[in-house]
Amino acid sequence: MREQRRALTGVVTSDKMEQTVVVAVDRVTRHPLYGKVIKLRKKYHAHDEQNDAKVGDVVRIRECRPLSKTKKFFVEEILQRAEAV
């Protein structure tokens, strides 16, 4: 059942909340009239049970039942860690 739910890949932009991260997901689409390629970005709140994800990490999030007013995704896995500065 979980595999049928939507999965998105994005970058963690905030990890300041407890067990919640904000993930920015980019997608590319064409303008319906002019045909210009446009980059669109949307932010999702995702549940991070272990508080593992940090700012800059690339993560895969998967849709789940609503956990709060804004949280409807969970962090499935961390694909790439952010580089240490």
N, C-alpha and C. Protein backbone atom coordinates (compact mmCIF):
# COMPACT_ATOMS: atom_id res chain seq x y z
N MET A 1 0.82 -1.20 0.00
CA MET A 1 0.00 0.00 0.00
C MET A 1 0.86 1.26 0.00
N ARG A 2 1.96 1.29 0.76
CA ARG A 2 2.77 2.49 0.83
C ARG A 2 3.43 2.82 -0.50
N GLU A 3 3.78 1.82 -1.30
CA GLU A 3 4.46 2.07 -2.56
C GLU A 3 3.57 2.78 -3.56
N GLN A 4 2.24 2.71 -3.40
CA GLN A 4 1.33 3.37 -4.32
C GLN A 4 1.21 4.86 -4.02
N ARG A 5 1.68 5.27 -2.86
CA ARG A 5 1.57 6.68 -2.50
C ARG A 5 2.69 7.48 -3.14
N ARG A 6 2.43 8.77 -3.32
CA ARG A 6 3.34 9.66 -4.02
C ARG A 6 4.68 9.77 -3.31
N ALA A 7 5.76 9.67 -4.06
CA ALA A 7 7.11 9.85 -3.51
C ALA A 7 7.76 11.03 -4.23
N LEU A 8 8.39 11.92 -3.46
CA LEU A 8 9.04 13.10 -4.01
C LEU A 8 10.47 13.17 -3.48
N THR A 9 11.35 13.80 -4.25
CA THR A 9 12.74 13.98 -3.85
C THR A 9 13.02 15.47 -3.76
N GLY A 10 13.66 15.87 -2.65
CA GLY A 10 13.94 17.28 -2.48
C GLY A 10 15.06 17.52 -1.48
N VAL A 11 15.31 18.79 -1.20
CA VAL A 11 16.40 19.20 -0.31
C VAL A 11 15.80 19.76 0.97
N VAL A 12 16.37 19.36 2.11
CA VAL A 12 15.92 19.86 3.41
C VAL A 12 16.34 21.32 3.55
N THR A 13 15.37 22.20 3.83
CA THR A 13 15.67 23.62 3.99
C THR A 13 15.59 24.06 5.44
N SER A 14 14.92 23.28 6.31
CA SER A 14 14.83 23.64 7.72
C SER A 14 14.67 22.36 8.54
N ASP A 15 15.40 22.31 9.67
CA ASP A 15 15.27 21.18 10.60
C ASP A 15 15.10 21.67 12.04
N LYS A 16 14.55 22.86 12.20
CA LYS A 16 14.46 23.48 13.53
C LYS A 16 13.33 22.91 14.39
N MET A 17 12.36 22.23 13.77
CA MET A 17 11.26 21.66 14.54
C MET A 17 11.61 20.26 15.04
N GLU A 18 10.91 19.83 16.07
CA GLU A 18 11.10 18.47 16.60
C GLU A 18 10.42 17.47 15.67
N GLN A 19 11.17 16.51 15.18
CA GLN A 19 10.68 15.42 14.33
C GLN A 19 9.98 15.91 13.06
N THR A 20 10.32 17.11 12.61
CA THR A 20 9.75 17.64 11.38
C THR A 20 10.83 18.38 10.60
N VAL A 21 10.86 18.16 9.29
CA VAL A 21 11.75 18.91 8.42
C VAL A 21 10.93 19.54 7.30
N VAL A 22 11.45 20.64 6.75
CA VAL A 22 10.82 21.28 5.60
C VAL A 22 11.66 20.90 4.38
N VAL A 23 11.01 20.34 3.37
CA VAL A 23 11.69 19.85 2.18
C VAL A 23 11.22 20.66 0.98
N ALA A 24 12.17 21.23 0.23
CA ALA A 24 11.85 21.97 -0.98
C ALA A 24 11.99 21.04 -2.18
N VAL A 25 10.91 20.88 -2.92
CA VAL A 25 10.88 19.99 -4.09
C VAL A 25 10.79 20.85 -5.34
N ASP A 26 11.76 20.69 -6.24
CA ASP A 26 11.78 21.43 -7.50
C ASP A 26 11.22 20.57 -8.61
N ARG A 27 10.50 21.20 -9.53
CA ARG A 27 10.06 20.50 -10.74
C ARG A 27 10.13 21.46 -11.91
N VAL A 28 10.25 20.91 -13.09
CA VAL A 28 10.37 21.70 -14.31
C VAL A 28 9.13 21.45 -15.16
N THR A 29 8.53 22.53 -15.65
CA THR A 29 7.34 22.40 -16.50
C THR A 29 7.40 23.47 -17.58
N ARG A 30 6.54 23.35 -18.55
CA ARG A 30 6.46 24.34 -19.62
C ARG A 30 5.27 25.25 -19.38
N HIS A 31 5.43 26.52 -19.72
CA HIS A 31 4.34 27.47 -19.63
C HIS A 31 3.27 27.07 -20.65
N PRO A 32 2.00 27.03 -20.25
CA PRO A 32 0.96 26.52 -21.16
C PRO A 32 0.79 27.33 -22.44
N LEU A 33 1.01 28.63 -22.40
CA LEU A 33 0.81 29.45 -23.59
C LEU A 33 2.11 29.72 -24.34
N TYR A 34 3.16 30.12 -23.62
CA TYR A 34 4.38 30.57 -24.27
C TYR A 34 5.43 29.48 -24.46
N GLY A 35 5.28 28.37 -23.75
CA GLY A 35 6.20 27.24 -23.95
C GLY A 35 7.54 27.38 -23.26
N LYS A 36 7.75 28.47 -22.53
CA LYS A 36 9.02 28.66 -21.83
C LYS A 36 9.13 27.65 -20.68
N VAL A 37 10.34 27.11 -20.48
CA VAL A 37 10.58 26.17 -19.40
C VAL A 37 10.68 26.95 -18.09
N ILE A 38 9.89 26.52 -17.11
CA ILE A 38 9.81 27.22 -15.82
C ILE A 38 10.18 26.25 -14.71
N LYS A 39 10.99 26.72 -13.75
CA LYS A 39 11.29 25.95 -12.55
C LYS A 39 10.29 26.33 -11.47
N LEU A 40 9.65 25.34 -10.88
CA LEU A 40 8.71 25.58 -9.79
C LEU A 40 9.22 24.90 -8.53
N ARG A 41 9.05 25.55 -7.39
CA ARG A 41 9.51 25.00 -6.11
C ARG A 41 8.34 25.01 -5.14
N LYS A 42 8.16 23.89 -4.45
CA LYS A 42 7.12 23.80 -3.43
C LYS A 42 7.73 23.21 -2.17
N LYS A 43 7.30 23.72 -1.02
CA LYS A 43 7.83 23.24 0.26
C LYS A 43 6.82 22.30 0.91
N TYR A 44 7.32 21.20 1.46
CA TYR A 44 6.49 20.23 2.17
C TYR A 44 7.04 20.02 3.57
N HIS A 45 6.15 19.88 4.56
CA HIS A 45 6.56 19.48 5.90
C HIS A 45 6.54 17.95 5.94
N ALA A 46 7.62 17.36 6.44
CA ALA A 46 7.72 15.90 6.47
C ALA A 46 8.12 15.44 7.86
N HIS A 47 7.58 14.31 8.28
CA HIS A 47 7.87 13.73 9.59
C HIS A 47 9.21 13.01 9.54
N ASP A 48 10.09 13.34 10.47
CA ASP A 48 11.43 12.72 10.57
C ASP A 48 11.56 12.13 11.96
N GLU A 49 11.19 10.87 12.12
CA GLU A 49 11.10 10.21 13.42
C GLU A 49 12.39 10.29 14.23
N GLN A 50 13.53 10.05 13.59
CA GLN A 50 14.81 9.98 14.30
C GLN A 50 15.55 11.32 14.37
N ASN A 51 15.01 12.36 13.77
CA ASN A 51 15.69 13.66 13.66
C ASN A 51 17.06 13.52 12.98
N ASP A 52 17.14 12.68 11.95
CA ASP A 52 18.40 12.41 11.25
C ASP A 52 18.70 13.46 10.18
N ALA A 53 17.70 13.93 9.48
CA ALA A 53 17.91 14.82 8.34
C ALA A 53 18.35 16.20 8.81
N LYS A 54 19.36 16.74 8.13
CA LYS A 54 19.88 18.07 8.43
C LYS A 54 19.72 18.96 7.20
N VAL A 55 19.90 20.26 7.39
CA VAL A 55 19.77 21.22 6.29
C VAL A 55 20.77 20.88 5.19
N GLY A 56 20.30 20.82 3.95
CA GLY A 56 21.15 20.53 2.81
C GLY A 56 21.11 19.07 2.36
N ASP A 57 20.56 18.18 3.18
CA ASP A 57 20.45 16.78 2.80
C ASP A 57 19.42 16.60 1.69
N VAL A 58 19.71 15.69 0.77
CA VAL A 58 18.74 15.31 -0.27
C VAL A 58 17.98 14.10 0.26
N VAL A 59 16.66 14.20 0.34
CA VAL A 59 15.84 13.15 0.93
C VAL A 59 14.71 12.75 0.00
N ARG A 60 14.21 11.53 0.21
CA ARG A 60 12.99 11.08 -0.47
C ARG A 60 11.88 11.08 0.57
N ILE A 61 10.78 11.77 0.25
CA ILE A 61 9.64 11.79 1.17
C ILE A 61 8.48 11.05 0.51
N ARG A 62 7.65 10.41 1.33
CA ARG A 62 6.52 9.65 0.82
C ARG A 62 5.25 10.11 1.53
N GLU A 63 4.16 10.13 0.78
CA GLU A 63 2.88 10.57 1.30
C GLU A 63 2.36 9.58 2.35
N CYS A 64 1.66 10.10 3.35
CA CYS A 64 1.06 9.25 4.38
C CYS A 64 -0.22 9.92 4.87
N ARG A 65 -0.82 9.36 5.87
CA ARG A 65 -2.03 9.97 6.44
C ARG A 65 -1.64 11.30 7.08
N PRO A 66 -2.57 12.23 7.22
CA PRO A 66 -2.22 13.51 7.84
C PRO A 66 -1.78 13.32 9.29
N LEU A 67 -0.56 13.83 9.59
CA LEU A 67 -0.03 13.74 10.95
C LEU A 67 -0.30 15.02 11.73
N SER A 68 -0.53 16.11 11.03
CA SER A 68 -0.90 17.38 11.65
C SER A 68 -1.57 18.23 10.57
N LYS A 69 -1.78 19.50 10.86
CA LYS A 69 -2.44 20.38 9.89
C LYS A 69 -1.65 20.49 8.59
N THR A 70 -0.31 20.56 8.68
CA THR A 70 0.51 20.75 7.48
C THR A 70 1.36 19.53 7.11
N LYS A 71 1.45 18.54 7.99
CA LYS A 71 2.38 17.42 7.78
C LYS A 71 1.65 16.21 7.22
N LYS A 72 1.92 15.91 5.93
CA LYS A 72 1.27 14.78 5.27
C LYS A 72 2.27 13.86 4.57
N PHE A 73 3.56 14.04 4.86
CA PHE A 73 4.63 13.23 4.30
C PHE A 73 5.56 12.76 5.41
N PHE A 74 6.33 11.69 5.14
CA PHE A 74 7.37 11.27 6.06
C PHE A 74 8.66 11.06 5.28
N VAL A 75 9.79 11.19 5.96
CA VAL A 75 11.10 11.00 5.33
C VAL A 75 11.32 9.51 5.18
N GLU A 76 11.36 9.04 3.92
CA GLU A 76 11.55 7.62 3.66
C GLU A 76 13.03 7.24 3.77
N GLU A 77 13.89 8.05 3.14
CA GLU A 77 15.33 7.80 3.26
C GLU A 77 16.12 9.05 2.90
N ILE A 78 17.34 9.09 3.43
CA ILE A 78 18.25 10.19 3.11
C ILE A 78 19.13 9.71 1.97
N LEU A 79 19.02 10.35 0.82
CA LEU A 79 19.74 9.91 -0.38
C LEU A 79 21.17 10.42 -0.39
N GLN A 80 21.38 11.65 0.09
CA GLN A 80 22.71 12.25 0.06
C GLN A 80 22.84 13.22 1.21
N ARG A 81 23.92 13.07 1.97
CA ARG A 81 24.18 13.97 3.09
C ARG A 81 24.74 15.28 2.61
N ALA A 82 24.48 16.36 3.35
CA ALA A 82 25.03 17.66 3.01
C ALA A 82 26.52 17.66 3.31
N GLU A 83 27.27 18.40 2.50
CA GLU A 83 28.71 18.49 2.71
C GLU A 83 29.00 19.32 3.93
N ALA A 84 29.93 18.85 4.78
CA ALA A 84 30.33 19.60 5.96
C ALA A 84 31.19 20.78 5.55
N VAL A 85 30.89 21.95 6.10
CA VAL A 85 31.64 23.16 5.73
C VAL A 85 32.81 23.36 6.65
